[in-house]
Protein backbone atom coordinates (compact mmCIF):
# COMPACT_ATOMS: atom_id res chain seq x y z
CA MET A 1 180.17 129.17 127.65
CA SER A 2 182.69 129.88 124.94
CA TYR A 3 186.66 131.79 124.89
CA ARG A 4 187.86 133.54 122.05
CA TYR A 5 191.48 133.66 121.23
CA LYS A 6 191.66 137.00 119.03
CA PHE A 7 194.98 136.17 116.38
CA ARG A 8 198.51 137.68 117.07
CA TYR A 9 200.84 139.40 114.27
CA TYR A 10 204.46 138.59 113.91
CA ASN A 11 204.23 142.80 115.05
CA SER A 12 202.42 146.08 113.94
CA THR A 13 203.24 146.22 110.47
CA PHE A 14 202.24 142.82 109.67
CA LYS A 15 199.04 143.70 111.76
CA ILE A 16 198.28 146.49 109.28
CA LEU A 17 199.17 144.65 106.31
CA ASN A 18 196.65 142.15 107.24
CA ALA A 19 194.34 144.36 107.38
CA PHE A 20 194.73 145.52 103.55
CA PHE A 21 195.89 142.51 101.76
CA VAL A 22 193.86 139.92 103.42
CA PRO A 23 190.44 141.77 101.78
CA LEU A 24 192.40 142.29 98.82
CA GLN A 25 193.29 138.72 98.25
CA ASN A 26 189.59 137.28 99.50
CA LEU A 27 188.70 140.26 96.67
CA LEU A 28 191.12 138.65 93.64
CA ILE A 29 190.96 134.74 94.62
CA PRO A 30 187.68 134.05 92.93
CA ARG A 31 188.19 136.20 89.82
CA ALA A 32 191.40 134.48 88.87
CA PHE A 33 190.03 131.32 90.06
CA SER A 34 186.91 131.94 87.64
CA LEU A 35 189.43 132.96 85.06
CA LEU A 36 191.01 129.60 85.89
CA ILE A 37 188.36 127.93 84.65
CA VAL A 38 187.56 130.09 82.11
CA ARG A 39 190.47 129.70 80.16
CA LEU A 40 190.68 126.10 80.85
CA VAL A 41 187.31 125.44 79.72
CA SER A 42 188.07 127.86 76.40
CA LEU A 43 191.36 125.21 75.63
CA VAL A 44 188.98 122.01 76.06
CA GLY A 45 186.70 123.35 73.60
CA LEU A 46 183.82 123.89 75.52
CA GLY A 47 184.06 127.76 75.21
CA GLN A 48 181.48 127.88 71.60
CA TYR A 49 178.94 126.17 74.07
CA ILE A 50 178.85 128.81 76.24
CA ASN A 51 179.60 132.03 74.14
CA ASN A 52 176.01 133.57 75.12
CA SER A 53 176.33 137.23 76.33
CA ILE A 54 173.52 136.68 78.55
CA ILE A 55 175.00 134.42 80.81
CA ILE A 56 178.95 135.70 80.53
CA ASN A 57 177.40 138.91 81.99
CA ALA A 58 175.24 137.25 84.77
CA LEU A 59 178.59 135.09 85.53
CA GLN A 60 180.78 137.88 85.92
CA LYS A 61 178.48 139.85 88.26
CA ILE A 62 178.06 136.33 90.68
CA ILE A 63 181.54 136.42 90.24
CA LEU A 64 181.92 139.67 91.80
CA ILE A 65 178.90 139.97 93.82
CA CYS A 66 180.74 136.80 95.48
CA SER A 67 184.12 138.16 95.26
CA ILE A 68 182.96 141.53 97.30
CA SER A 69 181.34 139.41 100.00
CA TRP A 70 184.18 137.48 100.51
CA ALA A 71 185.79 140.58 100.99
CA LEU A 72 183.11 141.83 103.07
CA ILE A 73 182.89 138.73 105.22
CA TYR A 74 186.56 139.60 106.38
CA CYS A 75 186.05 142.71 107.26
CA VAL A 76 183.00 142.54 109.13
CA PHE A 77 183.29 138.75 110.98
CA LYS A 78 185.02 138.37 114.41
CA LYS A 79 188.01 136.42 114.02
CA GLY A 80 190.14 134.12 116.23
CA VAL A 81 189.69 130.87 118.16
CA PHE A 82 186.47 130.11 119.83
CA VAL A 83 186.68 127.81 122.35
CA TYR A 84 183.18 125.84 123.12
CA LYS A 85 182.47 122.98 125.26
CA ASP A 86 182.90 120.39 122.84
CA HIS A 87 184.82 121.83 120.31
CA LEU A 88 187.20 124.75 119.01
CA VAL A 89 186.28 126.77 116.02
CA ILE A 90 189.41 128.66 114.26
CA ALA A 91 187.80 131.52 112.64
CA ARG A 92 189.48 133.46 109.94
CA TYR A 93 187.69 134.01 107.09
CA THR A 94 190.32 133.60 104.11
CA ILE A 95 191.88 131.27 102.44
CA THR A 96 196.10 130.13 102.61
CA LEU A 97 198.30 127.85 100.68
CA ARG A 98 197.45 124.44 102.31
CA ASN A 99 194.10 125.46 103.69
CA TRP A 100 190.68 126.74 101.93
CA LYS A 101 188.74 126.71 104.68
CA ASN A 102 187.09 130.18 106.68
CA ARG A 103 186.37 128.45 109.90
CA ILE A 104 187.70 125.22 110.71
CA THR A 105 186.16 123.39 113.70
CA VAL A 106 187.58 120.18 115.29
CA ASP A 107 185.92 118.51 118.15
CA TYR A 108 188.25 117.48 121.04
CA ASN A 109 188.04 113.68 120.47
CA GLU A 110 190.06 114.63 117.05
CA ILE A 111 192.84 116.23 118.90
CA LYS A 112 195.89 114.52 119.48
CA SER A 113 198.10 117.28 121.08
CA ILE A 114 198.25 120.85 121.24
CA ILE A 115 201.23 122.66 122.00
CA VAL A 116 203.00 125.78 121.69
CA ASN A 117 205.53 126.01 118.99
CA TYR A 118 208.39 128.13 119.22
CA SER A 119 210.26 126.73 116.02
CA ASP A 120 210.40 128.23 112.74
CA LEU A 121 208.38 127.52 110.20
CA ARG A 122 209.64 128.88 107.62
CA PHE A 123 212.22 126.62 107.33
CA THR A 124 210.19 123.43 108.28
CA ARG A 125 207.81 120.98 105.63
CA TYR A 126 205.27 123.33 107.47
CA HIS A 127 206.41 126.71 105.53
CA GLY A 128 203.02 127.82 104.53
CA SER A 129 200.83 125.91 107.12
CA LEU A 130 200.33 129.07 109.06
CA LEU A 131 196.34 129.18 109.11
CA VAL A 132 196.96 133.49 109.66
CA PRO A 133 198.28 135.67 106.97
CA PHE A 134 201.12 137.89 108.85
CA GLY A 135 201.16 135.67 111.76
CA ASP A 136 203.29 134.63 113.82
CA ASP A 137 206.04 132.06 112.13
CA THR A 138 208.34 131.38 115.22
CA TYR A 139 206.05 131.51 118.13
CA ASN A 140 202.63 129.88 117.66
CA VAL A 141 200.50 126.66 118.37
CA GLU A 142 200.79 123.90 116.55
CA LEU A 143 197.00 121.48 116.79
CA THR A 144 197.75 117.90 115.77
CA LEU A 145 194.66 115.52 114.90
CA ASN A 146 194.30 112.16 115.23
CA ASN A 147 194.52 111.43 111.58
CA GLY A 148 197.81 113.40 111.36
CA LYS A 149 197.01 116.43 110.42
CA LYS A 150 198.35 119.59 111.93
CA TYR A 151 197.33 123.24 111.92
CA PHE A 152 199.63 126.33 113.52
CA PHE A 153 198.01 129.58 114.13
CA SER A 154 199.06 132.51 116.66
CA ILE A 155 197.01 133.99 119.00
CA LYS A 156 197.35 135.85 122.04
CA ASP A 157 198.32 134.23 125.30
CA GLN A 158 199.18 131.08 123.53
CA GLU A 159 200.10 129.42 126.71
CA GLU A 160 196.44 129.71 128.48
CA PHE A 161 195.02 128.22 125.51
CA CYS A 162 196.97 125.20 125.58
CA ASN A 163 196.68 124.66 129.03
CA ASN A 164 192.75 125.45 128.44
CA LEU A 165 192.09 123.24 125.66
CA ASN A 166 194.04 120.52 127.28
CA LEU A 167 192.46 120.33 130.67
CA LEU A 168 189.05 120.25 128.65
CA ILE A 169 190.24 117.06 126.01
CA ASN A 170 191.46 115.57 129.18
CA SER A 171 187.66 116.28 130.95
CA THR A 172 185.76 115.53 127.75
CA SER A 173 187.99 112.14 127.39
CA SER A 174 187.37 110.76 131.07
CA LYS A 175 183.51 111.97 130.54
CA ASN A 176 183.52 109.36 127.34
CA ASN A 177 185.42 106.50 129.21
């Protein structure tokens, strides 16, 4: 038994922007990150030891393949929140400012609370915590873990999702006791 809740965007323009910019972001970020590492290596003075054109060409091809793969994965794989019997998976296949995981798996026993958040994230300390690029900052789900970590994501049928997940969490906790 699994259910999928699709991500919801602020409006249709943002949904189109998401379809264009996120694959582009997935294509460019690995290259920028590798460039940063190369700059740091050269600043430290270790660049002279890897000044071999064969190694540099191989590394460039590996980084290019990883970048293209990451962009294609975003375009091909199903995105959304998947609810299973004992855990949920937030599958987004991109990175955001505060979370670099493509798929976030959360066991129900790790969840402290889950609510629909109606407050605007743009003017809080959680600005940038939204897991979905171009998602709705003012109407989203707030998932709080026992360790205090919070995830924010906007999906379709958010009230239904929170009610169903609270029922699953309660049934899981009653089975464990």
